[in-house]
Amino acid sequence: MSAKTITRVEEPICVVSTIEGEIRDEQLKRDYYYFLAQKLSKDMLEKGLITADEFNKLAEKNKRKFSPYLAEIMP
């Protein structure tokens, strides 16, 4: 039978800090607003209020305005 050692951790091993490159609150807000704008545009397209060409133009404007960090993985 082998001896087991238990180590007590006094401080967290993984500390989340606000370093450059992390997603900050402001960036998350921009991503959220981008998502809402895209959803609204899609709803308008599905209801026939705008054309596919207009939808694509709105999508490009939304990307420029909100500069979404997560846009590449968003639907």
PDB file of N, CA and C in Angstrom:
ATOM      1  N   MET A   1       0.844  -1.172   0.000  1.00  0.00           N
ATOM      2  CA  MET A   1       0.000   0.000   0.000  1.00  0.00           C
ATOM      3  C   MET A   1       0.896   1.244   0.000  1.00  0.00           C
ATOM      4  N   SER A   2       0.611   2.166  -0.941  1.00  0.00           N
ATOM      5  CA  SER A   2       1.433   3.371  -1.041  1.00  0.00           C
ATOM      6  C   SER A   2       0.853   4.491  -0.179  1.00  0.00           C
ATOM      7  N   ALA A   3       1.746   5.342   0.278  1.00  0.00           N
ATOM      8  CA  ALA A   3       1.328   6.478   1.100  1.00  0.00           C
ATOM      9  C   ALA A   3       0.767   7.575   0.196  1.00  0.00           C
ATOM     10  N   LYS A   4      -0.280   8.209   0.633  1.00  0.00           N
ATOM     11  CA  LYS A   4      -0.896   9.294  -0.128  1.00  0.00           C
ATOM     12  C   LYS A   4      -0.632  10.613   0.581  1.00  0.00           C
ATOM     13  N   THR A   5      -0.376  11.617  -0.228  1.00  0.00           N
ATOM     14  CA  THR A   5      -0.115  12.940   0.313  1.00  0.00           C
ATOM     15  C   THR A   5      -1.253  13.871  -0.072  1.00  0.00           C
ATOM     16  N   ILE A   6      -1.724  14.613   0.876  1.00  0.00           N
ATOM     17  CA  ILE A   6      -2.765  15.601   0.624  1.00  0.00           C
ATOM     18  C   ILE A   6      -2.139  16.979   0.796  1.00  0.00           C
ATOM     19  N   THR A   7      -2.303  17.813  -0.220  1.00  0.00           N
ATOM     20  CA  THR A   7      -1.762  19.161  -0.177  1.00  0.00           C
ATOM     21  C   THR A   7      -2.905  20.151  -0.071  1.00  0.00           C
ATOM     22  N   ARG A   8      -2.819  20.993   0.906  1.00  0.00           N
ATOM     23  CA  ARG A   8      -3.846  22.013   1.083  1.00  0.00           C
ATOM     24  C   ARG A   8      -3.478  23.232   0.235  1.00  0.00           C
ATOM     25  N   VAL A   9      -4.421  23.676  -0.584  1.00  0.00           N
ATOM     26  CA  VAL A   9      -4.194  24.832  -1.443  1.00  0.00           C
ATOM     27  C   VAL A   9      -4.715  26.064  -0.717  1.00  0.00           C
ATOM     28  N   GLU A  10      -3.805  26.980  -0.427  1.00  0.00           N
ATOM     29  CA  GLU A  10      -4.175  28.192   0.298  1.00  0.00           C
ATOM     30  C   GLU A  10      -4.700  29.280  -0.633  1.00  0.00           C
ATOM     31  N   GLU A  11      -4.159  29.349  -1.849  1.00  0.00           N
ATOM     32  CA  GLU A  11      -4.571  30.363  -2.812  1.00  0.00           C
ATOM     33  C   GLU A  11      -5.035  29.670  -4.080  1.00  0.00           C
ATOM     34  N   PRO A  12      -5.914  30.315  -4.824  1.00  0.00           N
ATOM     35  CA  PRO A  12      -6.386  29.685  -6.061  1.00  0.00           C
ATOM     36  C   PRO A  12      -5.233  29.439  -7.030  1.00  0.00           C
ATOM     37  N   ILE A  13      -5.307  28.311  -7.697  1.00  0.00           N
ATOM     38  CA  ILE A  13      -4.275  27.954  -8.670  1.00  0.00           C
ATOM     39  C   ILE A  13      -4.431  28.783  -9.931  1.00  0.00           C
ATOM     40  N   CYS A  14      -5.657  28.982 -10.360  1.00  0.00           N
ATOM     41  CA  CYS A  14      -5.929  29.729 -11.588  1.00  0.00           C
ATOM     42  C   CYS A  14      -6.547  31.073 -11.218  1.00  0.00           C
ATOM     43  N   VAL A  15      -5.870  32.121 -11.569  1.00  0.00           N
ATOM     44  CA  VAL A  15      -6.367  33.459 -11.273  1.00  0.00           C
ATOM     45  C   VAL A  15      -6.697  34.151 -12.582  1.00  0.00           C
ATOM     46  N   VAL A  16      -7.920  34.637 -12.696  1.00  0.00           N
ATOM     47  CA  VAL A  16      -8.332  35.362 -13.893  1.00  0.00           C
ATOM     48  C   VAL A  16      -7.984  36.827 -13.683  1.00  0.00           C
ATOM     49  N   SER A  17      -7.200  37.356 -14.572  1.00  0.00           N
ATOM     50  CA  SER A  17      -6.821  38.762 -14.460  1.00  0.00           C
ATOM     51  C   SER A  17      -7.281  39.509 -15.699  1.00  0.00           C
ATOM     52  N   THR A  18      -7.263  40.799 -15.620  1.00  0.00           N
ATOM     53  CA  THR A  18      -7.655  41.615 -16.765  1.00  0.00           C
ATOM     54  C   THR A  18      -6.402  42.012 -17.526  1.00  0.00           C
ATOM     55  N   ILE A  19      -5.894  41.090 -18.315  1.00  0.00           N
ATOM     56  CA  ILE A  19      -4.722  41.366 -19.127  1.00  0.00           C
ATOM     57  C   ILE A  19      -5.148  41.648 -20.551  1.00  0.00           C
ATOM     58  N   GLU A  20      -4.241  42.229 -21.308  1.00  0.00           N
ATOM     59  CA  GLU A  20      -4.541  42.552 -22.701  1.00  0.00           C
ATOM     60  C   GLU A  20      -4.921  41.282 -23.447  1.00  0.00           C
ATOM     61  N   GLY A  21      -5.943  41.380 -24.287  1.00  0.00           N
ATOM     62  CA  GLY A  21      -6.368  40.237 -25.081  1.00  0.00           C
ATOM     63  C   GLY A  21      -7.590  39.527 -24.528  1.00  0.00           C
ATOM     64  N   GLU A  22      -7.940  39.780 -23.283  1.00  0.00           N
ATOM     65  CA  GLU A  22      -9.132  39.149 -22.727  1.00  0.00           C
ATOM     66  C   GLU A  22     -10.369  39.902 -23.185  1.00  0.00           C
ATOM     67  N   ILE A  23     -11.471  39.204 -23.197  1.00  0.00           N
ATOM     68  CA  ILE A  23     -12.738  39.848 -23.541  1.00  0.00           C
ATOM     69  C   ILE A  23     -13.211  40.614 -22.316  1.00  0.00           C
ATOM     70  N   ARG A  24     -13.373  41.878 -22.488  1.00  0.00           N
ATOM     71  CA  ARG A  24     -13.827  42.723 -21.381  1.00  0.00           C
ATOM     72  C   ARG A  24     -15.325  42.993 -21.517  1.00  0.00           C
ATOM     73  N   ASP A  25     -15.886  43.584 -20.494  1.00  0.00           N
ATOM     74  CA  ASP A  25     -17.326  43.873 -20.485  1.00  0.00           C
ATOM     75  C   ASP A  25     -17.765  44.664 -21.710  1.00  0.00           C
ATOM     76  N   GLU A  26     -16.992  45.671 -22.077  1.00  0.00           N
ATOM     77  CA  GLU A  26     -17.365  46.509 -23.217  1.00  0.00           C
ATOM     78  C   GLU A  26     -17.427  45.694 -24.504  1.00  0.00           C
ATOM     79  N   GLN A  27     -16.469  44.791 -24.677  1.00  0.00           N
ATOM     80  CA  GLN A  27     -16.453  43.958 -25.874  1.00  0.00           C
ATOM     81  C   GLN A  27     -17.647  43.007 -25.880  1.00  0.00           C
ATOM     82  N   LEU A  28     -17.985  42.466 -24.731  1.00  0.00           N
ATOM     83  CA  LEU A  28     -19.153  41.584 -24.650  1.00  0.00           C
ATOM     84  C   LEU A  28     -20.435  42.347 -24.971  1.00  0.00           C
ATOM     85  N   LYS A  29     -20.502  43.606 -24.532  1.00  0.00           N
ATOM     86  CA  LYS A  29     -21.672  44.428 -24.861  1.00  0.00           C
ATOM     87  C   LYS A  29     -21.771  44.637 -26.364  1.00  0.00           C
ATOM     88  N   ARG A  30     -20.629  44.926 -27.012  1.00  0.00           N
ATOM     89  CA  ARG A  30     -20.649  45.127 -28.469  1.00  0.00           C
ATOM     90  C   ARG A  30     -21.081  43.852 -29.188  1.00  0.00           C
ATOM     91  N   ASP A  31     -20.594  42.707 -28.711  1.00  0.00           N
ATOM     92  CA  ASP A  31     -20.997  41.439 -29.317  1.00  0.00           C
ATOM     93  C   ASP A  31     -22.496  41.208 -29.148  1.00  0.00           C
ATOM     94  N   TYR A  32     -23.010  41.536 -27.972  1.00  0.00           N
ATOM     95  CA  TYR A  32     -24.434  41.360 -27.703  1.00  0.00           C
ATOM     96  C   TYR A  32     -25.275  42.271 -28.600  1.00  0.00           C
ATOM     97  N   TYR A  33     -24.872  43.534 -28.720  1.00  0.00           N
ATOM     98  CA  TYR A  33     -25.607  44.468 -29.578  1.00  0.00           C
ATOM     99  C   TYR A  33     -25.546  44.036 -31.041  1.00  0.00           C
ATOM    100  N   TYR A  34     -24.411  43.500 -31.440  1.00  0.00           N
ATOM    101  CA  TYR A  34     -24.279  42.981 -32.807  1.00  0.00           C
ATOM    102  C   TYR A  34     -25.261  41.826 -33.014  1.00  0.00           C
ATOM    103  N   PHE A  35     -25.304  40.922 -32.050  1.00  0.00           N
ATOM    104  CA  PHE A  35     -26.213  39.781 -32.133  1.00  0.00           C
ATOM    105  C   PHE A  35     -27.664  40.252 -32.236  1.00  0.00           C
ATOM    106  N   LEU A  36     -28.049  41.237 -31.429  1.00  0.00           N
ATOM    107  CA  LEU A  36     -29.419  41.760 -31.477  1.00  0.00           C
ATOM    108  C   LEU A  36     -29.723  42.406 -32.825  1.00  0.00           C
ATOM    109  N   ALA A  37     -28.777  43.188 -33.335  1.00  0.00           N
ATOM    110  CA  ALA A  37     -28.983  43.847 -34.628  1.00  0.00           C
ATOM    111  C   ALA A  37     -29.128  42.816 -35.740  1.00  0.00           C
ATOM    112  N   GLN A  38     -28.322  41.768 -35.683  1.00  0.00           N
ATOM    113  CA  GLN A  38     -28.406  40.718 -36.697  1.00  0.00           C
ATOM    114  C   GLN A  38     -29.733  39.963 -36.598  1.00  0.00           C
ATOM    115  N   LYS A  39     -30.168  39.709 -35.375  1.00  0.00           N
ATOM    116  CA  LYS A  39     -31.443  39.004 -35.189  1.00  0.00           C
ATOM    117  C   LYS A  39     -32.594  39.840 -35.739  1.00  0.00           C
ATOM    118  N   LEU A  40     -32.580  41.129 -35.463  1.00  0.00           N
ATOM    119  CA  LEU A  40     -33.620  42.025 -35.972  1.00  0.00           C
ATOM    120  C   LEU A  40     -33.605  42.047 -37.499  1.00  0.00           C
ATOM    121  N   SER A  41     -32.419  42.128 -38.080  1.00  0.00           N
ATOM    122  CA  SER A  41     -32.297  42.125 -39.542  1.00  0.00           C
ATOM    123  C   SER A  41     -32.831  40.822 -40.135  1.00  0.00           C
ATOM    124  N   LYS A  42     -32.505  39.714 -39.481  1.00  0.00           N
ATOM    125  CA  LYS A  42     -32.967  38.411 -39.972  1.00  0.00           C
ATOM    126  C   LYS A  42     -34.489  38.306 -39.886  1.00  0.00           C
ATOM    127  N   ASP A  43     -35.049  38.795 -38.793  1.00  0.00           N
ATOM    128  CA  ASP A  43     -36.511  38.790 -38.643  1.00  0.00           C
ATOM    129  C   ASP A  43     -37.176  39.614 -39.744  1.00  0.00           C
ATOM    130  N   MET A  44     -36.581  40.769 -40.054  1.00  0.00           N
ATOM    131  CA  MET A  44     -37.119  41.623 -41.116  1.00  0.00           C
ATOM    132  C   MET A  44     -37.038  40.918 -42.470  1.00  0.00           C
ATOM    133  N   LEU A  45     -35.940  40.212 -42.703  1.00  0.00           N
ATOM    134  CA  LEU A  45     -35.778  39.465 -43.952  1.00  0.00           C
ATOM    135  C   LEU A  45     -36.838  38.374 -44.064  1.00  0.00           C
ATOM    136  N   GLU A  46     -37.034  37.626 -42.984  1.00  0.00           N
ATOM    137  CA  GLU A  46     -38.007  36.532 -42.994  1.00  0.00           C
ATOM    138  C   GLU A  46     -39.441  37.029 -43.177  1.00  0.00           C
ATOM    139  N   LYS A  47     -39.724  38.240 -42.739  1.00  0.00           N
ATOM    140  CA  LYS A  47     -41.069  38.812 -42.894  1.00  0.00           C
ATOM    141  C   LYS A  47     -41.247  39.533 -44.224  1.00  0.00           C
ATOM    142  N   GLY A  48     -40.186  39.552 -45.017  1.00  0.00           N
ATOM    143  CA  GLY A  48     -40.266  40.185 -46.326  1.00  0.00           C
ATOM    144  C   GLY A  48     -40.171  41.702 -46.295  1.00  0.00           C
ATOM    145  N   LEU A  49     -39.722  42.249 -45.183  1.00  0.00           N
ATOM    146  CA  LEU A  49     -39.613  43.701 -45.062  1.00  0.00           C
ATOM    147  C   LEU A  49     -38.357  44.247 -45.741  1.00  0.00           C
ATOM    148  N   ILE A  50     -37.345  43.395 -45.886  1.00  0.00           N
ATOM    149  CA  ILE A  50     -36.119  43.778 -46.592  1.00  0.00           C
ATOM    150  C   ILE A  50     -35.716  42.638 -47.523  1.00  0.00           C
ATOM    151  N   THR A  51     -34.900  42.965 -48.515  1.00  0.00           N
ATOM    152  CA  THR A  51     -34.419  41.951 -49.458  1.00  0.00           C
ATOM    153  C   THR A  51     -33.145  41.303 -48.913  1.00  0.00           C
ATOM    154  N   ALA A  52     -32.727  40.217 -49.551  1.00  0.00           N
ATOM    155  CA  ALA A  52     -31.489  39.544 -49.159  1.00  0.00           C
ATOM    156  C   ALA A  52     -30.295  40.480 -49.333  1.00  0.00           C
ATOM    157  N   ASP A  53     -30.320  41.289 -50.389  1.00  0.00           N
ATOM    158  CA  ASP A  53     -29.238  42.248 -50.619  1.00  0.00           C
ATOM    159  C   ASP A  53     -29.183  43.281 -49.488  1.00  0.00           C
ATOM    160  N   GLU A  54     -30.343  43.767 -49.078  1.00  0.00           N
ATOM    161  CA  GLU A  54     -30.392  44.728 -47.971  1.00  0.00           C
ATOM    162  C   GLU A  54     -29.922  44.078 -46.667  1.00  0.00           C
ATOM    163  N   PHE A  55     -30.293  42.824 -46.472  1.00  0.00           N
ATOM    164  CA  PHE A  55     -29.854  42.091 -45.285  1.00  0.00           C
ATOM    165  C   PHE A  55     -28.333  41.997 -45.244  1.00  0.00           C
ATOM    166  N   ASN A  56     -27.727  41.664 -46.384  1.00  0.00           N
ATOM    167  CA  ASN A  56     -26.269  41.549 -46.444  1.00  0.00           C
ATOM    168  C   ASN A  56     -25.590  42.891 -46.187  1.00  0.00           C
ATOM    169  N   LYS A  57     -26.174  43.967 -46.701  1.00  0.00           N
ATOM    170  CA  LYS A  57     -25.625  45.306 -46.451  1.00  0.00           C
ATOM    171  C   LYS A  57     -25.719  45.659 -44.963  1.00  0.00           C
ATOM    172  N   LEU A  58     -26.850  45.322 -44.353  1.00  0.00           N
ATOM    173  CA  LEU A  58     -27.004  45.569 -42.916  1.00  0.00           C
ATOM    174  C   LEU A  58     -25.993  44.763 -42.107  1.00  0.00           C
ATOM    175  N   ALA A  59     -25.755  43.522 -42.514  1.00  0.00           N
ATOM    176  CA  ALA A  59     -24.792  42.672 -41.809  1.00  0.00           C
ATOM    177  C   ALA A  59     -23.401  43.299 -41.838  1.00  0.00           C
ATOM    178  N   GLU A  60     -23.008  43.829 -42.982  1.00  0.00           N
ATOM    179  CA  GLU A  60     -21.701  44.488 -43.097  1.00  0.00           C
ATOM    180  C   GLU A  60     -21.643  45.749 -42.235  1.00  0.00           C
ATOM    181  N   LYS A  61     -22.716  46.530 -42.237  1.00  0.00           N
ATOM    182  CA  LYS A  61     -22.756  47.741 -41.402  1.00  0.00           C
ATOM    183  C   LYS A  61     -22.690  47.381 -39.921  1.00  0.00           C
ATOM    184  N   ASN A  62     -23.395  46.316 -39.541  1.00  0.00           N
ATOM    185  CA  ASN A  62     -23.373  45.879 -38.143  1.00  0.00           C
ATOM    186  C   ASN A  62     -21.963  45.463 -37.729  1.00  0.00           C
ATOM    187  N   LYS A  63     -21.260  44.763 -38.611  1.00  0.00           N
ATOM    188  CA  LYS A  63     -19.886  44.353 -38.291  1.00  0.00           C
ATOM    189  C   LYS A  63     -18.984  45.564 -38.103  1.00  0.00           C
ATOM    190  N   ARG A  64     -19.147  46.566 -38.970  1.00  0.00           N
ATOM    191  CA  ARG A  64     -18.317  47.772 -38.850  1.00  0.00           C
ATOM    192  C   ARG A  64     -18.660  48.558 -37.584  1.00  0.00           C
ATOM    193  N   LYS A  65     -19.945  48.685 -37.300  1.00  0.00           N
ATOM    194  CA  LYS A  65     -20.375  49.495 -36.153  1.00  0.00           C
ATOM    195  C   LYS A  65     -20.009  48.855 -34.819  1.00  0.00           C
ATOM    196  N   PHE A  66     -20.275  47.570 -34.672  1.00  0.00           N
ATOM    197  CA  PHE A  66     -20.107  46.914 -33.377  1.00  0.00           C
ATOM    198  C   PHE A  66     -18.757  46.221 -33.209  1.00  0.00           C
ATOM    199  N   SER A  67     -18.024  46.001 -34.279  1.00  0.00           N
ATOM    200  CA  SER A  67     -16.730  45.309 -34.228  1.00  0.00           C
ATOM    201  C   SER A  67     -16.800  44.078 -33.330  1.00  0.00           C
ATOM    202  N   PRO A  68     -17.690  43.141 -33.633  1.00  0.00           N
ATOM    203  CA  PRO A  68     -17.880  41.993 -32.749  1.00  0.00           C
ATOM    204  C   PRO A  68     -16.672  41.065 -32.728  1.00  0.00           C
ATOM    205  N   TYR A  69     -16.238  40.724 -31.538  1.00  0.00           N
ATOM    206  CA  TYR A  69     -15.109  39.816 -31.344  1.00  0.00           C
ATOM    207  C   TYR A  69     -15.506  38.385 -31.693  1.00  0.00           C
ATOM    208  N   LEU A  70     -16.712  38.017 -31.328  1.00  0.00           N
ATOM    209  CA  LEU A  70     -17.178  36.643 -31.509  1.00  0.00           C
ATOM    210  C   LEU A  70     -18.004  36.445 -32.773  1.00  0.00           C
ATOM    211  N   ALA A  71     -18.018  37.410 -33.656  1.00  0.00           N
ATOM    212  CA  ALA A  71     -18.858  37.335 -34.855  1.00  0.00           C
ATOM    213  C   ALA A  71     -18.555  36.120 -35.710  1.00  0.00           C
ATOM    214  N   GLU A  72     -17.315  35.695 -35.728  1.00  0.00           N
ATOM    215  CA  GLU A  72     -16.942  34.563 -36.569  1.00  0.00           C
ATOM    216  C   GLU A  72     -17.638  33.274 -36.145  1.00  0.00           C
ATOM    217  N   ILE A  73     -17.964  33.148 -34.862  1.00  0.00           N
ATOM    218  CA  ILE A  73     -18.607  31.913 -34.408  1.00  0.00           C
ATOM    219  C   ILE A  73     -20.099  32.076 -34.177  1.00  0.00           C
ATOM    220  N   MET A  74     -20.597  33.309 -34.316  1.00  0.00           N
ATOM    221  CA  MET A  74     -22.034  33.548 -34.138  1.00  0.00           C
ATOM    222  C   MET A  74     -22.794  33.158 -35.391  1.00  0.00           C
ATOM    223  N   PRO A  75     -24.030  32.676 -35.205  1.00  0.00           N
ATOM    224  CA  PRO A  75     -24.838  32.305 -36.382  1.00  0.00           C
ATOM    225  C   PRO A  75     -25.256  33.527 -37.182  1.00  0.00           C
TER     226      PRO A  75
END
